[in-house]
C-alpha cells in the first residue's frame, strides 16, 4: 500500500507555468507540429521546444537548447 504525502514534492518545480509567454510558445509550437506528418513530429517538436527555450530562457544553465 502506498501512502501519499501531504507535502509537495521538492523535485516538482512548476514555476515555469507562470511564464505565460513561454507556455503560449509551447502551445503554439505543438499546434504547428500537429500539421506535420507523423514521422516528422518528434523531430519538429524537439526543434520548436528548443526554440521556445532559447527565446524565454537565454543563457540559462540547466535548460536544453
C-alpha atoms as a PDB file:
ATOM      1  CA  UNK A   1       0.000   0.000   0.000  1.00  0.00           C
ATOM      2  CA  UNK A   2       1.343   3.421  -0.986  1.00  0.00           C
ATOM      3  CA  UNK A   3       0.830   6.354   1.316  1.00  0.00           C
ATOM      4  CA  UNK A   4       0.711   9.806  -0.259  1.00  0.00           C
ATOM      5  CA  UNK A   5       2.475  12.692   1.390  1.00  0.00           C
ATOM      6  CA  UNK A   6       0.629  15.935   2.076  1.00  0.00           C
ATOM      7  CA  UNK A   7       3.822  17.942   1.454  1.00  0.00           C
ATOM      8  CA  UNK A   8       4.550  18.999  -2.139  1.00  0.00           C
ATOM      9  CA  UNK A   9       7.438  17.307  -3.846  1.00  0.00           C
ATOM     10  CA  UNK A  10      10.592  19.410  -3.810  1.00  0.00           C
ATOM     11  CA  UNK A  11      11.615  17.950  -7.163  1.00  0.00           C
ATOM     12  CA  UNK A  12       8.446  19.136  -8.913  1.00  0.00           C
ATOM     13  CA  UNK A  13       9.126  22.723  -9.970  1.00  0.00           C
ATOM     14  CA  UNK A  14       6.104  24.244 -11.699  1.00  0.00           C
ATOM     15  CA  UNK A  15       7.267  27.860 -11.613  1.00  0.00           C
ATOM     16  CA  UNK A  16       7.601  27.872 -15.412  1.00  0.00           C
ATOM     17  CA  UNK A  17       3.786  27.774 -15.653  1.00  0.00           C
ATOM     18  CA  UNK A  18       3.721  31.416 -14.512  1.00  0.00           C
ATOM     19  CA  UNK A  19       5.688  32.400 -17.624  1.00  0.00           C
ATOM     20  CA  UNK A  20       2.692  32.874 -19.940  1.00  0.00           C
ATOM     21  CA  UNK A  21       4.820  33.796 -22.942  1.00  0.00           C
ATOM     22  CA  UNK A  22       6.753  30.553 -22.660  1.00  0.00           C
ATOM     23  CA  UNK A  23       3.606  28.486 -22.137  1.00  0.00           C
ATOM     24  CA  UNK A  24       1.986  30.129 -25.185  1.00  0.00           C
ATOM     25  CA  UNK A  25       5.118  29.452 -27.226  1.00  0.00           C
ATOM     26  CA  UNK A  26       4.974  25.756 -26.286  1.00  0.00           C
ATOM     27  CA  UNK A  27       1.235  25.601 -27.004  1.00  0.00           C
ATOM     28  CA  UNK A  28       1.635  27.262 -30.404  1.00  0.00           C
ATOM     29  CA  UNK A  29       4.601  25.095 -31.329  1.00  0.00           C
ATOM     30  CA  UNK A  30       2.587  21.985 -30.509  1.00  0.00           C
ATOM     31  CA  UNK A  31      -0.214  23.234 -32.758  1.00  0.00           C
ATOM     32  CA  UNK A  32       2.280  23.679 -35.603  1.00  0.00           C
ATOM     33  CA  UNK A  33       3.836  20.255 -35.000  1.00  0.00           C
ATOM     34  CA  UNK A  34       0.464  18.562 -35.395  1.00  0.00           C
ATOM     35  CA  UNK A  35       0.334  19.773 -39.018  1.00  0.00           C
ATOM     36  CA  UNK A  36       3.436  17.707 -39.885  1.00  0.00           C
ATOM     37  CA  UNK A  37       3.357  14.049 -40.944  1.00  0.00           C
ATOM     38  CA  UNK A  38       3.642  11.621 -38.000  1.00  0.00           C
ATOM     39  CA  UNK A  39       7.175  10.573 -38.949  1.00  0.00           C
ATOM     40  CA  UNK A  40       8.427  14.163 -38.615  1.00  0.00           C
ATOM     41  CA  UNK A  41       6.521  15.229 -35.490  1.00  0.00           C
ATOM     42  CA  UNK A  42       9.059  14.172 -32.855  1.00  0.00           C
ATOM     43  CA  UNK A  43      11.936  15.995 -34.535  1.00  0.00           C
ATOM     44  CA  UNK A  44       9.895  19.147 -35.136  1.00  0.00           C
ATOM     45  CA  UNK A  45       8.503  19.091 -31.598  1.00  0.00           C
ATOM     46  CA  UNK A  46      12.044  18.947 -30.206  1.00  0.00           C
ATOM     47  CA  UNK A  47      13.230  21.701 -32.553  1.00  0.00           C
ATOM     48  CA  UNK A  48      10.391  24.080 -31.665  1.00  0.00           C
ATOM     49  CA  UNK A  49      10.589  23.312 -27.925  1.00  0.00           C
ATOM     50  CA  UNK A  50      14.281  24.230 -28.019  1.00  0.00           C
ATOM     51  CA  UNK A  51      13.393  27.444 -29.876  1.00  0.00           C
ATOM     52  CA  UNK A  52      10.977  28.347 -27.056  1.00  0.00           C
ATOM     53  CA  UNK A  53      13.701  27.586 -24.507  1.00  0.00           C
ATOM     54  CA  UNK A  54      16.165  29.844 -26.344  1.00  0.00           C
ATOM     55  CA  UNK A  55      13.621  32.647 -26.551  1.00  0.00           C
ATOM     56  CA  UNK A  56      12.427  32.622 -22.958  1.00  0.00           C
ATOM     57  CA  UNK A  57      15.422  31.237 -21.042  1.00  0.00           C
ATOM     58  CA  UNK A  58      18.514  32.686 -22.783  1.00  0.00           C
ATOM     59  CA  UNK A  59      21.841  31.744 -21.200  1.00  0.00           C
ATOM     60  CA  UNK A  60      20.028  29.777 -18.519  1.00  0.00           C
ATOM     61  CA  UNK A  61      22.049  26.772 -17.381  1.00  0.00           C
ATOM     62  CA  UNK A  62      20.097  23.586 -16.978  1.00  0.00           C
ATOM     63  CA  UNK A  63      17.745  24.136 -19.912  1.00  0.00           C
ATOM     64  CA  UNK A  64      18.184  22.211 -23.124  1.00  0.00           C
ATOM     65  CA  UNK A  65      18.761  24.270 -26.207  1.00  0.00           C
END
